[in-house]
């Protein structure tokens, strides 16, 4: 019985005794690179601060409504960026006005109409066009400049944008 008891103790201790484990790396050390945190110099930080301050100043300046008068380049740049601006173009039937009110979420809010002697002739319109669809073609469309031969594709695309995002008031 003593032999049985000794055998049982030996078996139990063999199963529960701590085992030696080989603790070698499980990765190839040649593939490990040291990661060094990127430290910005004070001149880099100062430059980034200046750029951020300039962007805030530019955004504030662009948020002010600009009267472009009949300067097409002024108005097109404001339209493409959806910055508030007013534009007027004289036609034989009257003066077509287009006003960029400004951004409304991801869309640009525009209003316009045809005026004669400062009085609205016919109906006005308002649009909320996605900013990514604004272009010089949008400007051309609102002033009927895409109604000429060779501009049919542009007119069709702008007609669809107008139908989807504009309404007559």
C-alpha atoms as a PDB file:
ATOM      1  CA  UNK A   1       0.000   0.000   0.000  1.00  0.00           C
ATOM      2  CA  UNK A   2       2.877   2.277   0.782  1.00  0.00           C
ATOM      3  CA  UNK A   3       4.222   1.635  -2.677  1.00  0.00           C
ATOM      4  CA  UNK A   4       0.859   2.518  -4.170  1.00  0.00           C
ATOM      5  CA  UNK A   5       0.716   5.738  -2.170  1.00  0.00           C
ATOM      6  CA  UNK A   6       4.259   6.749  -3.240  1.00  0.00           C
ATOM      7  CA  UNK A   7       3.417   6.005  -6.877  1.00  0.00           C
ATOM      8  CA  UNK A   8       0.242   8.074  -6.661  1.00  0.00           C
ATOM      9  CA  UNK A   9       2.112  11.040  -5.130  1.00  0.00           C
ATOM     10  CA  UNK A  10       4.758  10.800  -7.884  1.00  0.00           C
ATOM     11  CA  UNK A  11       2.141  10.812 -10.633  1.00  0.00           C
ATOM     12  CA  UNK A  12       0.235  13.761  -9.129  1.00  0.00           C
ATOM     13  CA  UNK A  13       3.397  15.833  -8.624  1.00  0.00           C
ATOM     14  CA  UNK A  14       4.532  15.121 -12.191  1.00  0.00           C
ATOM     15  CA  UNK A  15       1.257  16.434 -13.552  1.00  0.00           C
ATOM     16  CA  UNK A  16       1.059  19.566 -11.394  1.00  0.00           C
ATOM     17  CA  UNK A  17       4.712  20.478 -11.041  1.00  0.00           C
ATOM     18  CA  UNK A  18       5.841  23.654 -12.811  1.00  0.00           C
ATOM     19  CA  UNK A  19       7.226  23.058 -16.267  1.00  0.00           C
ATOM     20  CA  UNK A  20      10.170  24.804 -17.792  1.00  0.00           C
ATOM     21  CA  UNK A  21       9.037  26.961 -20.687  1.00  0.00           C
ATOM     22  CA  UNK A  22      11.293  28.286 -23.412  1.00  0.00           C
ATOM     23  CA  UNK A  23      10.725  32.074 -23.483  1.00  0.00           C
ATOM     24  CA  UNK A  24      12.266  33.018 -26.792  1.00  0.00           C
ATOM     25  CA  UNK A  25      10.819  35.807 -28.932  1.00  0.00           C
ATOM     26  CA  UNK A  26       8.053  34.678 -31.263  1.00  0.00           C
ATOM     27  CA  UNK A  27       8.960  37.319 -33.822  1.00  0.00           C
ATOM     28  CA  UNK A  28      11.916  37.977 -36.020  1.00  0.00           C
ATOM     29  CA  UNK A  29      13.892  40.738 -34.283  1.00  0.00           C
ATOM     30  CA  UNK A  30      15.229  41.968 -37.623  1.00  0.00           C
ATOM     31  CA  UNK A  31      11.720  43.059 -38.602  1.00  0.00           C
ATOM     32  CA  UNK A  32      11.181  45.176 -35.472  1.00  0.00           C
ATOM     33  CA  UNK A  33      11.857  48.907 -35.860  1.00  0.00           C
ATOM     34  CA  UNK A  34      12.212  51.417 -33.115  1.00  0.00           C
ATOM     35  CA  UNK A  35       9.417  53.968 -33.183  1.00  0.00           C
ATOM     36  CA  UNK A  36      10.624  57.479 -32.455  1.00  0.00           C
ATOM     37  CA  UNK A  37       7.936  60.029 -31.675  1.00  0.00           C
ATOM     38  CA  UNK A  38       7.798  62.928 -34.099  1.00  0.00           C
ATOM     39  CA  UNK A  39       8.801  66.089 -32.297  1.00  0.00           C
ATOM     40  CA  UNK A  40       7.965  69.342 -34.063  1.00  0.00           C
ATOM     41  CA  UNK A  41      10.346  72.224 -33.804  1.00  0.00           C
ATOM     42  CA  UNK A  42       9.155  75.509 -32.362  1.00  0.00           C
ATOM     43  CA  UNK A  43       9.514  77.138 -35.800  1.00  0.00           C
ATOM     44  CA  UNK A  44       7.239  74.463 -37.319  1.00  0.00           C
ATOM     45  CA  UNK A  45       4.678  75.011 -34.563  1.00  0.00           C
ATOM     46  CA  UNK A  46       4.855  78.794 -35.075  1.00  0.00           C
ATOM     47  CA  UNK A  47       4.371  78.346 -38.827  1.00  0.00           C
ATOM     48  CA  UNK A  48       1.354  76.066 -38.282  1.00  0.00           C
ATOM     49  CA  UNK A  49      -0.111  78.590 -35.843  1.00  0.00           C
ATOM     50  CA  UNK A  50       0.309  81.374 -38.427  1.00  0.00           C
ATOM     51  CA  UNK A  51      -1.372  79.260 -41.109  1.00  0.00           C
ATOM     52  CA  UNK A  52      -4.289  78.456 -38.784  1.00  0.00           C
ATOM     53  CA  UNK A  53      -4.693  82.135 -37.858  1.00  0.00           C
ATOM     54  CA  UNK A  54      -4.581  83.124 -41.548  1.00  0.00           C
ATOM     55  CA  UNK A  55      -7.247  80.516 -42.377  1.00  0.00           C
ATOM     56  CA  UNK A  56      -9.512  81.928 -39.648  1.00  0.00           C
ATOM     57  CA  UNK A  57      -8.924  85.446 -40.995  1.00  0.00           C
ATOM     58  CA  UNK A  58      -9.635  84.302 -44.589  1.00  0.00           C
ATOM     59  CA  UNK A  59     -12.799  82.467 -43.496  1.00  0.00           C
ATOM     60  CA  UNK A  60     -14.040  85.569 -41.674  1.00  0.00           C
ATOM     61  CA  UNK A  61     -13.249  87.743 -44.690  1.00  0.00           C
ATOM     62  CA  UNK A  62     -14.964  85.336 -47.094  1.00  0.00           C
ATOM     63  CA  UNK A  63     -18.055  85.145 -44.866  1.00  0.00           C
ATOM     64  CA  UNK A  64     -18.696  88.851 -45.567  1.00  0.00           C
ATOM     65  CA  UNK A  65     -20.953  89.482 -48.536  1.00  0.00           C
ATOM     66  CA  UNK A  66     -19.133  90.947 -51.521  1.00  0.00           C
ATOM     67  CA  UNK A  67     -20.787  93.023 -54.214  1.00  0.00           C
ATOM     68  CA  UNK A  68     -19.213  91.814 -57.431  1.00  0.00           C
ATOM     69  CA  UNK A  69     -21.319  94.163 -59.555  1.00  0.00           C
ATOM     70  CA  UNK A  70     -20.881  92.830 -63.089  1.00  0.00           C
ATOM     71  CA  UNK A  71     -17.403  91.327 -62.499  1.00  0.00           C
ATOM     72  CA  UNK A  72     -17.881  87.743 -63.694  1.00  0.00           C
ATOM     73  CA  UNK A  73     -14.513  86.482 -62.385  1.00  0.00           C
ATOM     74  CA  UNK A  74     -15.258  87.840 -58.905  1.00  0.00           C
ATOM     75  CA  UNK A  75     -18.657  86.156 -58.868  1.00  0.00           C
ATOM     76  CA  UNK A  76     -17.520  82.812 -60.294  1.00  0.00           C
ATOM     77  CA  UNK A  77     -14.781  82.490 -57.635  1.00  0.00           C
ATOM     78  CA  UNK A  78     -17.289  83.297 -54.896  1.00  0.00           C
ATOM     79  CA  UNK A  79     -19.818  80.859 -56.390  1.00  0.00           C
ATOM     80  CA  UNK A  80     -17.361  77.969 -56.654  1.00  0.00           C
ATOM     81  CA  UNK A  81     -16.439  78.446 -52.969  1.00  0.00           C
ATOM     82  CA  UNK A  82     -19.998  79.361 -51.878  1.00  0.00           C
ATOM     83  CA  UNK A  83     -18.964  82.672 -50.355  1.00  0.00           C
ATOM     84  CA  UNK A  84     -21.681  85.334 -50.052  1.00  0.00           C
ATOM     85  CA  UNK A  85     -21.757  87.682 -53.050  1.00  0.00           C
ATOM     86  CA  UNK A  86     -24.107  89.694 -55.240  1.00  0.00           C
ATOM     87  CA  UNK A  87     -23.914  89.849 -59.021  1.00  0.00           C
ATOM     88  CA  UNK A  88     -25.918  91.729 -61.646  1.00  0.00           C
ATOM     89  CA  UNK A  89     -25.842  91.333 -65.401  1.00  0.00           C
ATOM     90  CA  UNK A  90     -27.762  93.613 -67.760  1.00  0.00           C
ATOM     91  CA  UNK A  91     -29.834  92.064 -70.567  1.00  0.00           C
ATOM     92  CA  UNK A  92     -32.298  93.698 -72.954  1.00  0.00           C
ATOM     93  CA  UNK A  93     -35.231  92.327 -70.922  1.00  0.00           C
ATOM     94  CA  UNK A  94     -33.817  93.635 -67.646  1.00  0.00           C
ATOM     95  CA  UNK A  95     -31.168  93.066 -65.029  1.00  0.00           C
ATOM     96  CA  UNK A  96     -30.590  89.467 -63.909  1.00  0.00           C
ATOM     97  CA  UNK A  97     -29.433  89.283 -60.298  1.00  0.00           C
ATOM     98  CA  UNK A  98     -27.915  86.304 -58.569  1.00  0.00           C
ATOM     99  CA  UNK A  99     -27.076  86.388 -54.875  1.00  0.00           C
ATOM    100  CA  UNK A 100     -25.051  83.800 -53.030  1.00  0.00           C
ATOM    101  CA  UNK A 101     -26.453  83.733 -49.502  1.00  0.00           C
ATOM    102  CA  UNK A 102     -23.820  81.256 -48.329  1.00  0.00           C
ATOM    103  CA  UNK A 103     -23.444  77.677 -47.185  1.00  0.00           C
ATOM    104  CA  UNK A 104     -26.351  75.713 -45.743  1.00  0.00           C
ATOM    105  CA  UNK A 105     -24.718  72.525 -44.521  1.00  0.00           C
ATOM    106  CA  UNK A 106     -23.144  70.780 -47.501  1.00  0.00           C
ATOM    107  CA  UNK A 107     -25.158  72.904 -49.926  1.00  0.00           C
ATOM    108  CA  UNK A 108     -24.870  76.450 -51.210  1.00  0.00           C
ATOM    109  CA  UNK A 109     -27.897  78.712 -50.902  1.00  0.00           C
ATOM    110  CA  UNK A 110     -28.519  80.995 -53.927  1.00  0.00           C
ATOM    111  CA  UNK A 111     -31.323  83.363 -54.891  1.00  0.00           C
ATOM    112  CA  UNK A 112     -31.960  85.215 -58.096  1.00  0.00           C
ATOM    113  CA  UNK A 113     -34.394  86.837 -60.425  1.00  0.00           C
ATOM    114  CA  UNK A 114     -34.911  89.229 -63.310  1.00  0.00           C
ATOM    115  CA  UNK A 115     -35.489  92.875 -62.377  1.00  0.00           C
ATOM    116  CA  UNK A 116     -36.455  95.917 -64.391  1.00  0.00           C
ATOM    117  CA  UNK A 117     -36.089  99.330 -62.741  1.00  0.00           C
ATOM    118  CA  UNK A 118     -35.466  97.585 -59.372  1.00  0.00           C
ATOM    119  CA  UNK A 119     -38.790  95.689 -59.643  1.00  0.00           C
ATOM    120  CA  UNK A 120     -38.979  91.905 -59.942  1.00  0.00           C
ATOM    121  CA  UNK A 121     -40.233  90.920 -63.393  1.00  0.00           C
ATOM    122  CA  UNK A 122     -41.692  87.412 -63.433  1.00  0.00           C
ATOM    123  CA  UNK A 123     -40.689  84.953 -60.757  1.00  0.00           C
ATOM    124  CA  UNK A 124     -37.590  84.649 -58.660  1.00  0.00           C
ATOM    125  CA  UNK A 125     -35.826  81.419 -57.783  1.00  0.00           C
ATOM    126  CA  UNK A 126     -33.915  79.956 -54.875  1.00  0.00           C
ATOM    127  CA  UNK A 127     -31.522  77.031 -54.903  1.00  0.00           C
ATOM    128  CA  UNK A 128     -29.702  74.859 -52.412  1.00  0.00           C
ATOM    129  CA  UNK A 129     -27.111  73.177 -54.626  1.00  0.00           C
ATOM    130  CA  UNK A 130     -24.538  70.717 -53.249  1.00  0.00           C
ATOM    131  CA  UNK A 131     -21.209  72.544 -53.078  1.00  0.00           C
ATOM    132  CA  UNK A 132     -19.436  69.866 -55.082  1.00  0.00           C
ATOM    133  CA  UNK A 133     -21.731  70.577 -58.079  1.00  0.00           C
ATOM    134  CA  UNK A 134     -20.909  74.291 -58.277  1.00  0.00           C
ATOM    135  CA  UNK A 135     -18.734  75.407 -61.179  1.00  0.00           C
ATOM    136  CA  UNK A 136     -18.311  78.072 -63.820  1.00  0.00           C
ATOM    137  CA  UNK A 137     -20.912  76.044 -65.762  1.00  0.00           C
ATOM    138  CA  UNK A 138     -23.418  76.781 -62.976  1.00  0.00           C
ATOM    139  CA  UNK A 139     -22.811  80.497 -63.477  1.00  0.00           C
ATOM    140  CA  UNK A 140     -23.164  80.149 -67.276  1.00  0.00           C
ATOM    141  CA  UNK A 141     -26.414  78.248 -66.856  1.00  0.00           C
ATOM    142  CA  UNK A 142     -28.056  80.857 -64.624  1.00  0.00           C
ATOM    143  CA  UNK A 143     -27.298  83.516 -67.210  1.00  0.00           C
ATOM    144  CA  UNK A 144     -28.315  81.460 -70.248  1.00  0.00           C
ATOM    145  CA  UNK A 145     -24.796  81.267 -71.655  1.00  0.00           C
ATOM    146  CA  UNK A 146     -25.091  77.500 -72.167  1.00  0.00           C
ATOM    147  CA  UNK A 147     -27.904  77.835 -74.742  1.00  0.00           C
ATOM    148  CA  UNK A 148     -25.483  78.024 -77.672  1.00  0.00           C
ATOM    149  CA  UNK A 149     -24.388  75.278 -80.046  1.00  0.00           C
ATOM    150  CA  UNK A 150     -21.727  73.030 -78.593  1.00  0.00           C
ATOM    151  CA  UNK A 151     -22.874  73.528 -74.987  1.00  0.00           C
ATOM    152  CA  UNK A 152     -25.813  71.085 -75.092  1.00  0.00           C
ATOM    153  CA  UNK A 153     -24.193  68.567 -72.726  1.00  0.00           C
ATOM    154  CA  UNK A 154     -23.369  71.280 -70.178  1.00  0.00           C
ATOM    155  CA  UNK A 155     -26.913  72.668 -70.440  1.00  0.00           C
ATOM    156  CA  UNK A 156     -28.469  69.215 -69.947  1.00  0.00           C
ATOM    157  CA  UNK A 157     -26.339  68.568 -66.847  1.00  0.00           C
ATOM    158  CA  UNK A 158     -27.116  72.024 -65.408  1.00  0.00           C
ATOM    159  CA  UNK A 159     -30.842  71.644 -66.226  1.00  0.00           C
ATOM    160  CA  UNK A 160     -30.878  68.469 -64.107  1.00  0.00           C
ATOM    161  CA  UNK A 161     -29.093  70.232 -61.233  1.00  0.00           C
ATOM    162  CA  UNK A 162     -31.527  73.143 -61.453  1.00  0.00           C
ATOM    163  CA  UNK A 163     -34.545  70.801 -61.502  1.00  0.00           C
ATOM    164  CA  UNK A 164     -33.279  68.869 -58.490  1.00  0.00           C
ATOM    165  CA  UNK A 165     -32.079  71.737 -56.289  1.00  0.00           C
ATOM    166  CA  UNK A 166     -33.899  74.931 -57.327  1.00  0.00           C
ATOM    167  CA  UNK A 167     -37.459  76.167 -57.082  1.00  0.00           C
ATOM    168  CA  UNK A 168     -39.362  79.068 -58.571  1.00  0.00           C
ATOM    169  CA  UNK A 169     -40.740  81.457 -55.962  1.00  0.00           C
END
